[in-house]
Amino acid sequence: MRLARVIGTVVATRKDPEMGGLKLLLLAPCGADERPTTEAALVAADALGAGVGEVVLYAVGSAARQTRETKDRPVDATVMAIVDHVEVAARTGSR
């Protein structure tokens, strides 16, 4: 899974019938600090009801089709979790 911020929604009135009822979100990948990365934005199916501005975990590839809402549907990315917070252990310089 990867981190991203929801930056918008995608509306497609004409789409494959298998995509009916799926909300589509525009995601901007981000790092653990929640700052945007240089990766391109992507469209993901929303399995949870995430909203613009939220940080989410998303899966791509075959893992994206493992939710109840996306099973056997033609999706390549799915929002799998809405992030409450990210905690990164402090580095002390030694391991």
PDB file of N, CA and C in Angstrom:
ATOM      1  N   MET A   1       0.839  -1.177   0.000  1.00  0.00           N
ATOM      2  CA  MET A   1       0.000   0.000   0.000  1.00  0.00           C
ATOM      3  C   MET A   1       0.883   1.239   0.000  1.00  0.00           C
ATOM      4  N   ARG A   2       0.313   2.314  -0.483  1.00  0.00           N
ATOM      5  CA  ARG A   2       1.035   3.575  -0.614  1.00  0.00           C
ATOM      6  C   ARG A   2       0.195   4.705  -0.031  1.00  0.00           C
ATOM      7  N   LEU A   3       0.872   5.806   0.330  1.00  0.00           N
ATOM      8  CA  LEU A   3       0.189   6.983   0.869  1.00  0.00           C
ATOM      9  C   LEU A   3      -0.101   7.992  -0.230  1.00  0.00           C
ATOM     10  N   ALA A   4      -1.252   8.673  -0.104  1.00  0.00           N
ATOM     11  CA  ALA A   4      -1.598   9.750  -1.033  1.00  0.00           C
ATOM     12  C   ALA A   4      -2.593  10.683  -0.361  1.00  0.00           C
ATOM     13  N   ARG A   5      -2.678  11.886  -0.891  1.00  0.00           N
ATOM     14  CA  ARG A   5      -3.699  12.839  -0.452  1.00  0.00           C
ATOM     15  C   ARG A   5      -4.748  12.928  -1.551  1.00  0.00           C
ATOM     16  N   VAL A   6      -6.008  12.940  -1.145  1.00  0.00           N
ATOM     17  CA  VAL A   6      -7.102  13.089  -2.108  1.00  0.00           C
ATOM     18  C   VAL A   6      -7.152  14.559  -2.516  1.00  0.00           C
ATOM     19  N   ILE A   7      -6.989  14.801  -3.835  1.00  0.00           N
ATOM     20  CA  ILE A   7      -6.969  16.187  -4.312  1.00  0.00           C
ATOM     21  C   ILE A   7      -8.171  16.524  -5.178  1.00  0.00           C
ATOM     22  N   GLY A   8      -9.035  15.548  -5.413  1.00  0.00           N
ATOM     23  CA  GLY A   8     -10.217  15.834  -6.216  1.00  0.00           C
ATOM     24  C   GLY A   8     -11.017  14.584  -6.514  1.00  0.00           C
ATOM     25  N   THR A   9     -12.079  14.776  -7.264  1.00  0.00           N
ATOM     26  CA  THR A   9     -12.914  13.666  -7.697  1.00  0.00           C
ATOM     27  C   THR A   9     -12.909  13.625  -9.227  1.00  0.00           C
ATOM     28  N   VAL A  10     -13.228  12.470  -9.768  1.00  0.00           N
ATOM     29  CA  VAL A  10     -13.310  12.297 -11.207  1.00  0.00           C
ATOM     30  C   VAL A  10     -14.730  11.859 -11.531  1.00  0.00           C
ATOM     31  N   VAL A  11     -15.381  12.571 -12.432  1.00  0.00           N
ATOM     32  CA  VAL A  11     -16.744  12.245 -12.843  1.00  0.00           C
ATOM     33  C   VAL A  11     -16.708  11.758 -14.278  1.00  0.00           C
ATOM     34  N   ALA A  12     -17.258  10.579 -14.500  1.00  0.00           N
ATOM     35  CA  ALA A  12     -17.327  10.009 -15.850  1.00  0.00           C
ATOM     36  C   ALA A  12     -18.745   9.491 -16.051  1.00  0.00           C
ATOM     37  N   THR A  13     -19.543  10.210 -16.817  1.00  0.00           N
ATOM     38  CA  THR A  13     -20.936   9.803 -16.999  1.00  0.00           C
ATOM     39  C   THR A  13     -21.056   8.605 -17.928  1.00  0.00           C
ATOM     40  N   ARG A  14     -20.092   8.432 -18.823  1.00  0.00           N
ATOM     41  CA  ARG A  14     -20.085   7.257 -19.702  1.00  0.00           C
ATOM     42  C   ARG A  14     -18.891   6.399 -19.331  1.00  0.00           C
ATOM     43  N   LYS A  15     -19.159   5.189 -18.878  1.00  0.00           N
ATOM     44  CA  LYS A  15     -18.088   4.282 -18.487  1.00  0.00           C
ATOM     45  C   LYS A  15     -18.572   2.847 -18.617  1.00  0.00           C
ATOM     46  N   ASP A  16     -17.662   1.918 -18.515  1.00  0.00           N
ATOM     47  CA  ASP A  16     -17.995   0.506 -18.566  1.00  0.00           C
ATOM     48  C   ASP A  16     -19.042   0.202 -17.499  1.00  0.00           C
ATOM     49  N   PRO A  17     -20.052  -0.601 -17.812  1.00  0.00           N
ATOM     50  CA  PRO A  17     -21.095  -0.932 -16.841  1.00  0.00           C
ATOM     51  C   PRO A  17     -20.551  -1.518 -15.532  1.00  0.00           C
ATOM     52  N   GLU A  18     -19.419  -2.212 -15.603  1.00  0.00           N
ATOM     53  CA  GLU A  18     -18.812  -2.781 -14.389  1.00  0.00           C
ATOM     54  C   GLU A  18     -18.337  -1.704 -13.420  1.00  0.00           C
ATOM     55  N   MET A  19     -18.178  -0.479 -13.897  1.00  0.00           N
ATOM     56  CA  MET A  19     -17.709   0.620 -13.051  1.00  0.00           C
ATOM     57  C   MET A  19     -18.862   1.384 -12.405  1.00  0.00           C
ATOM     58  N   GLY A  20     -20.084   1.021 -12.731  1.00  0.00           N
ATOM     59  CA  GLY A  20     -21.252   1.704 -12.181  1.00  0.00           C
ATOM     60  C   GLY A  20     -21.255   1.699 -10.659  1.00  0.00           C
ATOM     61  N   GLY A  21     -21.545   2.846 -10.078  1.00  0.00           N
ATOM     62  CA  GLY A  21     -21.648   2.967  -8.629  1.00  0.00           C
ATOM     63  C   GLY A  21     -20.336   3.205  -7.912  1.00  0.00           C
ATOM     64  N   LEU A  22     -19.214   3.140  -8.618  1.00  0.00           N
ATOM     65  CA  LEU A  22     -17.919   3.391  -7.978  1.00  0.00           C
ATOM     66  C   LEU A  22     -17.587   4.876  -8.001  1.00  0.00           C
ATOM     67  N   LYS A  23     -17.239   5.422  -6.849  1.00  0.00           N
ATOM     68  CA  LYS A  23     -16.763   6.797  -6.761  1.00  0.00           C
ATOM     69  C   LYS A  23     -15.291   6.792  -7.143  1.00  0.00           C
ATOM     70  N   LEU A  24     -14.889   7.748  -7.971  1.00  0.00           N
ATOM     71  CA  LEU A  24     -13.502   7.840  -8.410  1.00  0.00           C
ATOM     72  C   LEU A  24     -12.847   9.078  -7.808  1.00  0.00           C
ATOM     73  N   LEU A  25     -11.656   8.889  -7.265  1.00  0.00           N
ATOM     74  CA  LEU A  25     -10.924   9.979  -6.619  1.00  0.00           C
ATOM     75  C   LEU A  25      -9.615  10.248  -7.344  1.00  0.00           C
ATOM     76  N   LEU A  26      -9.180  11.505  -7.337  1.00  0.00           N
ATOM     77  CA  LEU A  26      -7.887  11.888  -7.863  1.00  0.00           C
ATOM     78  C   LEU A  26      -6.922  11.970  -6.684  1.00  0.00           C
ATOM     79  N   LEU A  27      -5.835  11.190  -6.750  1.00  0.00           N
ATOM     80  CA  LEU A  27      -4.879  11.106  -5.649  1.00  0.00           C
ATOM     81  C   LEU A  27      -3.532  11.689  -6.039  1.00  0.00           C
ATOM     82  N   ALA A  28      -2.891  12.368  -5.092  1.00  0.00           N
ATOM     83  CA  ALA A  28      -1.523  12.845  -5.249  1.00  0.00           C
ATOM     84  C   ALA A  28      -0.660  12.054  -4.283  1.00  0.00           C
ATOM     85  N   PRO A  29       0.197  11.151  -4.769  1.00  0.00           N
ATOM     86  CA  PRO A  29       1.051  10.376  -3.871  1.00  0.00           C
ATOM     87  C   PRO A  29       1.863  11.287  -2.961  1.00  0.00           C
ATOM     88  N   CYS A  30       2.085  10.831  -1.725  1.00  0.00           N
ATOM     89  CA  CYS A  30       2.848  11.615  -0.758  1.00  0.00           C
ATOM     90  C   CYS A  30       3.738  10.691   0.068  1.00  0.00           C
ATOM     91  N   GLY A  31       4.690  11.301   0.751  1.00  0.00           N
ATOM     92  CA  GLY A  31       5.596  10.562   1.622  1.00  0.00           C
ATOM     93  C   GLY A  31       5.024  10.442   3.023  1.00  0.00           C
ATOM     94  N   ALA A  32       5.806   9.846   3.920  1.00  0.00           N
ATOM     95  CA  ALA A  32       5.371   9.665   5.303  1.00  0.00           C
ATOM     96  C   ALA A  32       5.145  11.001   6.004  1.00  0.00           C
ATOM     97  N   ASP A  33       5.796  12.063   5.505  1.00  0.00           N
ATOM     98  CA  ASP A  33       5.602  13.401   6.071  1.00  0.00           C
ATOM     99  C   ASP A  33       4.366  14.085   5.487  1.00  0.00           C
ATOM    100  N   GLU A  34       3.632  13.374   4.639  1.00  0.00           N
ATOM    101  CA  GLU A  34       2.418  13.839   3.981  1.00  0.00           C
ATOM    102  C   GLU A  34       2.665  14.950   2.961  1.00  0.00           C
ATOM    103  N   ARG A  35       3.926  15.162   2.583  1.00  0.00           N
ATOM    104  CA  ARG A  35       4.248  16.121   1.525  1.00  0.00           C
ATOM    105  C   ARG A  35       4.173  15.409   0.185  1.00  0.00           C
ATOM    106  N   PRO A  36       3.730  16.103  -0.861  1.00  0.00           N
ATOM    107  CA  PRO A  36       3.627  15.475  -2.181  1.00  0.00           C
ATOM    108  C   PRO A  36       4.980  14.968  -2.675  1.00  0.00           C
ATOM    109  N   THR A  37       4.941  13.877  -3.418  1.00  0.00           N
ATOM    110  CA  THR A  37       6.138  13.363  -4.075  1.00  0.00           C
ATOM    111  C   THR A  37       6.126  13.833  -5.530  1.00  0.00           C
ATOM    112  N   THR A  38       7.098  13.397  -6.286  1.00  0.00           N
ATOM    113  CA  THR A  38       7.156  13.772  -7.700  1.00  0.00           C
ATOM    114  C   THR A  38       6.361  12.810  -8.576  1.00  0.00           C
ATOM    115  N   GLU A  39       5.758  11.790  -7.979  1.00  0.00           N
ATOM    116  CA  GLU A  39       4.947  10.855  -8.755  1.00  0.00           C
ATOM    117  C   GLU A  39       3.710  11.564  -9.306  1.00  0.00           C
ATOM    118  N   ALA A  40       3.266  11.122 -10.463  1.00  0.00           N
ATOM    119  CA  ALA A  40       2.080  11.705 -11.106  1.00  0.00           C
ATOM    120  C   ALA A  40       0.820  11.372 -10.318  1.00  0.00           C
ATOM    121  N   ALA A  41      -0.147  12.251 -10.404  1.00  0.00           N
ATOM    122  CA  ALA A  41      -1.455  11.995  -9.786  1.00  0.00           C
ATOM    123  C   ALA A  41      -2.080  10.775 -10.460  1.00  0.00           C
ATOM    124  N   LEU A  42      -2.974  10.096  -9.751  1.00  0.00           N
ATOM    125  CA  LEU A  42      -3.636   8.922 -10.299  1.00  0.00           C
ATOM    126  C   LEU A  42      -5.087   8.890  -9.879  1.00  0.00           C
ATOM    127  N   VAL A  43      -5.873   8.122 -10.607  1.00  0.00           N
ATOM    128  CA  VAL A  43      -7.292   7.944 -10.299  1.00  0.00           C
ATOM    129  C   VAL A  43      -7.443   6.601  -9.599  1.00  0.00           C
ATOM    130  N   ALA A  44      -8.222   6.600  -8.516  1.00  0.00           N
ATOM    131  CA  ALA A  44      -8.450   5.372  -7.758  1.00  0.00           C
ATOM    132  C   ALA A  44      -9.929   5.234  -7.430  1.00  0.00           C
ATOM    133  N   ALA A  45     -10.395   3.998  -7.412  1.00  0.00           N
ATOM    134  CA  ALA A  45     -11.750   3.719  -6.942  1.00  0.00           C
ATOM    135  C   ALA A  45     -11.761   3.909  -5.431  1.00  0.00           C
ATOM    136  N   ASP A  46     -12.862   4.412  -4.905  1.00  0.00           N
ATOM    137  CA  ASP A  46     -12.972   4.672  -3.467  1.00  0.00           C
ATOM    138  C   ASP A  46     -13.841   3.602  -2.824  1.00  0.00           C
ATOM    139  N   ALA A  47     -13.247   2.766  -1.989  1.00  0.00           N
ATOM    140  CA  ALA A  47     -13.980   1.696  -1.323  1.00  0.00           C
ATOM    141  C   ALA A  47     -14.515   2.124   0.041  1.00  0.00           C
ATOM    142  N   LEU A  48     -14.200   3.373   0.478  1.00  0.00           N
ATOM    143  CA  LEU A  48     -14.515   3.759   1.860  1.00  0.00           C
ATOM    144  C   LEU A  48     -15.297   5.045   2.049  1.00  0.00           C
ATOM    145  N   GLY A  49     -15.317   5.912   1.059  1.00  0.00           N
ATOM    146  CA  GLY A  49     -15.977   7.203   1.246  1.00  0.00           C
ATOM    147  C   GLY A  49     -15.013   8.291   1.671  1.00  0.00           C
ATOM    148  N   ALA A  50     -13.790   8.253   1.185  1.00  0.00           N
ATOM    149  CA  ALA A  50     -12.802   9.281   1.509  1.00  0.00           C
ATOM    150  C   ALA A  50     -13.190  10.597   0.850  1.00  0.00           C
ATOM    151  N   GLY A  51     -12.672  11.691   1.407  1.00  0.00           N
ATOM    152  CA  GLY A  51     -12.995  13.004   0.871  1.00  0.00           C
ATOM    153  C   GLY A  51     -11.761  13.806   0.513  1.00  0.00           C
ATOM    154  N   VAL A  52     -11.967  14.876  -0.222  1.00  0.00           N
ATOM    155  CA  VAL A  52     -10.883  15.754  -0.637  1.00  0.00           C
ATOM    156  C   VAL A  52     -10.152  16.276   0.599  1.00  0.00           C
ATOM    157  N   GLY A  53      -8.814  16.236   0.544  1.00  0.00           N
ATOM    158  CA  GLY A  53      -7.975  16.710   1.633  1.00  0.00           C
ATOM    159  C   GLY A  53      -7.500  15.609   2.563  1.00  0.00           C
ATOM    160  N   GLU A  54      -8.151  14.455   2.536  1.00  0.00           N
ATOM    161  CA  GLU A  54      -7.753  13.367   3.433  1.00  0.00           C
ATOM    162  C   GLU A  54      -6.536  12.629   2.890  1.00  0.00           C
ATOM    163  N   VAL A  55      -5.725  12.108   3.810  1.00  0.00           N
ATOM    164  CA  VAL A  55      -4.613  11.245   3.450  1.00  0.00           C
ATOM    165  C   VAL A  55      -5.128   9.815   3.510  1.00  0.00           C
ATOM    166  N   VAL A  56      -4.811   9.038   2.483  1.00  0.00           N
ATOM    167  CA  VAL A  56      -5.336   7.677   2.374  1.00  0.00           C
ATOM    168  C   VAL A  56      -4.221   6.694   2.048  1.00  0.00           C
ATOM    169  N   LEU A  57      -4.503   5.427   2.265  1.00  0.00           N
ATOM    170  CA  LEU A  57      -3.659   4.336   1.784  1.00  0.00           C
ATOM    171  C   LEU A  57      -4.356   3.767   0.566  1.00  0.00           C
ATOM    172  N   TYR A  58      -3.586   3.536  -0.490  1.00  0.00           N
ATOM    173  CA  TYR A  58      -4.183   2.940  -1.677  1.00  0.00           C
ATOM    174  C   TYR A  58      -3.335   1.765  -2.140  1.00  0.00           C
ATOM    175  N   ALA A  59      -3.979   0.853  -2.821  1.00  0.00           N
ATOM    176  CA  ALA A  59      -3.300  -0.306  -3.387  1.00  0.00           C
ATOM    177  C   ALA A  59      -3.447  -0.248  -4.895  1.00  0.00           C
ATOM    178  N   VAL A  60      -2.468  -0.801  -5.592  1.00  0.00           N
ATOM    179  CA  VAL A  60      -2.509  -0.839  -7.055  1.00  0.00           C
ATOM    180  C   VAL A  60      -2.366  -2.275  -7.552  1.00  0.00           C
ATOM    181  N   GLY A  61      -2.697  -2.463  -8.815  1.00  0.00           N
ATOM    182  CA  GLY A  61      -2.579  -3.789  -9.419  1.00  0.00           C
ATOM    183  C   GLY A  61      -3.652  -4.740  -8.918  1.00  0.00           C
ATOM    184  N   SER A  62      -3.326  -6.014  -8.869  1.00  0.00           N
ATOM    185  CA  SER A  62      -4.324  -7.015  -8.486  1.00  0.00           C
ATOM    186  C   SER A  62      -4.828  -6.807  -7.059  1.00  0.00           C
ATOM    187  N   ALA A  63      -4.021  -6.222  -6.184  1.00  0.00           N
ATOM    188  CA  ALA A  63      -4.458  -5.943  -4.818  1.00  0.00           C
ATOM    189  C   ALA A  63      -5.618  -4.955  -4.791  1.00  0.00           C
ATOM    190  N   ALA A  64      -5.731  -4.120  -5.806  1.00  0.00           N
ATOM    191  CA  ALA A  64      -6.803  -3.128  -5.875  1.00  0.00           C
ATOM    192  C   ALA A  64      -8.168  -3.771  -6.072  1.00  0.00           C
ATOM    193  N   ARG A  65      -8.188  -5.004  -6.494  1.00  0.00           N
ATOM    194  CA  ARG A  65      -9.457  -5.699  -6.747  1.00  0.00           C
ATOM    195  C   ARG A  65      -9.824  -6.655  -5.625  1.00  0.00           C
ATOM    196  N   GLN A  66      -9.305  -6.432  -4.433  1.00  0.00           N
ATOM    197  CA  GLN A  66      -9.557  -7.333  -3.315  1.00  0.00           C
ATOM    198  C   GLN A  66     -10.608  -6.819  -2.330  1.00  0.00           C
ATOM    199  N   THR A  67     -11.235  -5.683  -2.605  1.00  0.00           N
ATOM    200  CA  THR A  67     -12.284  -5.187  -1.707  1.00  0.00           C
ATOM    201  C   THR A  67     -13.645  -5.690  -2.205  1.00  0.00           C
ATOM    202  N   ARG A  68     -14.614  -5.638  -1.353  1.00  0.00           N
ATOM    203  CA  ARG A  68     -15.971  -6.047  -1.729  1.00  0.00           C
ATOM    204  C   ARG A  68     -16.483  -5.213  -2.897  1.00  0.00           C
ATOM    205  N   GLU A  69     -16.174  -3.915  -2.893  1.00  0.00           N
ATOM    206  CA  GLU A  69     -16.675  -3.002  -3.918  1.00  0.00           C
ATOM    207  C   GLU A  69     -15.959  -3.152  -5.263  1.00  0.00           C
ATOM    208  N   THR A  70     -14.718  -3.650  -5.255  1.00  0.00           N
ATOM    209  CA  THR A  70     -13.946  -3.694  -6.497  1.00  0.00           C
ATOM    210  C   THR A  70     -13.689  -5.107  -7.022  1.00  0.00           C
ATOM    211  N   LYS A  71     -14.163  -6.111  -6.334  1.00  0.00           N
ATOM    212  CA  LYS A  71     -13.913  -7.503  -6.753  1.00  0.00           C
ATOM    213  C   LYS A  71     -14.395  -7.714  -8.181  1.00  0.00           C
ATOM    214  N   ASP A  72     -13.505  -8.237  -9.007  1.00  0.00           N
ATOM    215  CA  ASP A  72     -13.789  -8.552 -10.412  1.00  0.00           C
ATOM    216  C   ASP A  72     -14.171  -7.335 -11.254  1.00  0.00           C
ATOM    217  N   ARG A  73     -13.785  -6.141 -10.820  1.00  0.00           N
ATOM    218  CA  ARG A  73     -14.039  -4.929 -11.596  1.00  0.00           C
ATOM    219  C   ARG A  73     -12.732  -4.442 -12.216  1.00  0.00           C
ATOM    220  N   PRO A  74     -12.814  -3.708 -13.326  1.00  0.00           N
ATOM    221  CA  PRO A  74     -11.602  -3.268 -14.017  1.00  0.00           C
ATOM    222  C   PRO A  74     -10.959  -2.034 -13.373  1.00  0.00           C
ATOM    223  N   VAL A  75     -10.403  -2.209 -12.172  1.00  0.00           N
ATOM    224  CA  VAL A  75      -9.732  -1.102 -11.487  1.00  0.00           C
ATOM    225  C   VAL A  75      -8.267  -1.464 -11.273  1.00  0.00           C
ATOM    226  N   ASP A  76      -7.421  -0.447 -11.292  1.00  0.00           N
ATOM    227  CA  ASP A  76      -5.997  -0.653 -11.088  1.00  0.00           C
ATOM    228  C   ASP A  76      -5.500   0.019  -9.812  1.00  0.00           C
ATOM    229  N   ALA A  77      -6.341   0.847  -9.176  1.00  0.00           N
ATOM    230  CA  ALA A  77      -5.980   1.494  -7.916  1.00  0.00           C
ATOM    231  C   ALA A  77      -7.245   1.667  -7.087  1.00  0.00           C
ATOM    232  N   THR A  78      -7.134   1.381  -5.781  1.00  0.00           N
ATOM    233  CA  THR A  78      -8.276   1.484  -4.871  1.00  0.00           C
ATOM    234  C   THR A  78      -7.845   2.074  -3.544  1.00  0.00           C
ATOM    235  N   VAL A  79      -8.626   3.017  -3.011  1.00  0.00           N
ATOM    236  CA  VAL A  79      -8.406   3.542  -1.669  1.00  0.00           C
ATOM    237  C   VAL A  79      -8.825   2.449  -0.694  1.00  0.00           C
ATOM    238  N   MET A  80      -7.885   2.034   0.173  1.00  0.00           N
ATOM    239  CA  MET A  80      -8.112   0.924   1.097  1.00  0.00           C
ATOM    240  C   MET A  80      -8.269   1.368   2.553  1.00  0.00           C
ATOM    241  N   ALA A  81      -7.796   2.580   2.880  1.00  0.00           N
ATOM    242  CA  ALA A  81      -7.872   3.065   4.259  1.00  0.00           C
ATOM    243  C   ALA A  81      -7.775   4.580   4.270  1.00  0.00           C
ATOM    244  N   ILE A  82      -8.435   5.193   5.238  1.00  0.00           N
ATOM    245  CA  ILE A  82      -8.301   6.624   5.491  1.00  0.00           C
ATOM    246  C   ILE A  82      -7.371   6.756   6.688  1.00  0.00           C
ATOM    247  N   VAL A  83      -6.287   7.509   6.530  1.00  0.00           N
ATOM    248  CA  VAL A  83      -5.238   7.599   7.537  1.00  0.00           C
ATOM    249  C   VAL A  83      -5.626   8.597   8.625  1.00  0.00           C
ATOM    250  N   ASP A  84      -5.525   8.158   9.883  1.00  0.00           N
ATOM    251  CA  ASP A  84      -5.742   9.062  11.016  1.00  0.00           C
ATOM    252  C   ASP A  84      -4.488   9.879  11.298  1.00  0.00           C
ATOM    253  N   HIS A  85      -3.356   9.201  11.363  1.00  0.00           N
ATOM    254  CA  HIS A  85      -2.070   9.883  11.519  1.00  0.00           C
ATOM    255  C   HIS A  85      -0.946   8.929  11.141  1.00  0.00           C
ATOM    256  N   VAL A  86       0.213   9.517  10.840  1.00  0.00           N
ATOM    257  CA  VAL A  86       1.398   8.751  10.503  1.00  0.00           C
ATOM    258  C   VAL A  86       2.444   9.047  11.567  1.00  0.00           C
ATOM    259  N   GLU A  87       3.011   8.000  12.130  1.00  0.00           N
ATOM    260  CA  GLU A  87       4.048   8.166  13.155  1.00  0.00           C
ATOM    261  C   GLU A  87       5.325   7.549  12.627  1.00  0.00           C
ATOM    262  N   VAL A  88       6.380   8.356  12.589  1.00  0.00           N
ATOM    263  CA  VAL A  88       7.677   7.891  12.119  1.00  0.00           C
ATOM    264  C   VAL A  88       8.632   7.890  13.315  1.00  0.00           C
ATOM    265  N   ALA A  89       9.290   6.761  13.543  1.00  0.00           N
ATOM    266  CA  ALA A  89      10.231   6.661  14.658  1.00  0.00           C
ATOM    267  C   ALA A  89      11.391   7.616  14.433  1.00  0.00           C
ATOM    268  N   ALA A  90      11.812   8.290  15.485  1.00  0.00           N
ATOM    269  CA  ALA A  90      12.923   9.229  15.385  1.00  0.00           C
ATOM    270  C   ALA A  90      14.231   8.469  15.161  1.00  0.00           C
ATOM    271  N   ARG A  91      15.065   8.997  14.314  1.00  0.00           N
ATOM    272  CA  ARG A  91      16.377   8.394  14.069  1.00  0.00           C
ATOM    273  C   ARG A  91      17.392   9.041  14.985  1.00  0.00           C
ATOM    274  N   THR A  92      18.245   8.225  15.569  1.00  0.00           N
ATOM    275  CA  THR A  92      19.252   8.752  16.484  1.00  0.00           C
ATOM    276  C   THR A  92      20.634   8.761  15.882  1.00  0.00           C
ATOM    277  N   GLY A  93      20.773   8.251  14.685  1.00  0.00           N
ATOM    278  CA  GLY A  93      22.083   8.230  14.053  1.00  0.00           C
ATOM    279  C   GLY A  93      22.798   6.901  14.202  1.00  0.00           C
ATOM    280  N   SER A  94      22.362   6.060  15.131  1.00  0.00           N
ATOM    281  CA  SER A  94      22.951   4.724  15.285  1.00  0.00           C
ATOM    282  C   SER A  94      21.843   3.689  15.214  1.00  0.00           C
ATOM    283  N   ARG A  95      22.195   2.474  14.872  1.00  0.00           N
ATOM    284  CA  ARG A  95      21.190   1.415  14.747  1.00  0.00           C
ATOM    285  C   ARG A  95      21.337   0.412  15.837  1.00  0.00           C
TER     286      ARG A  95
END
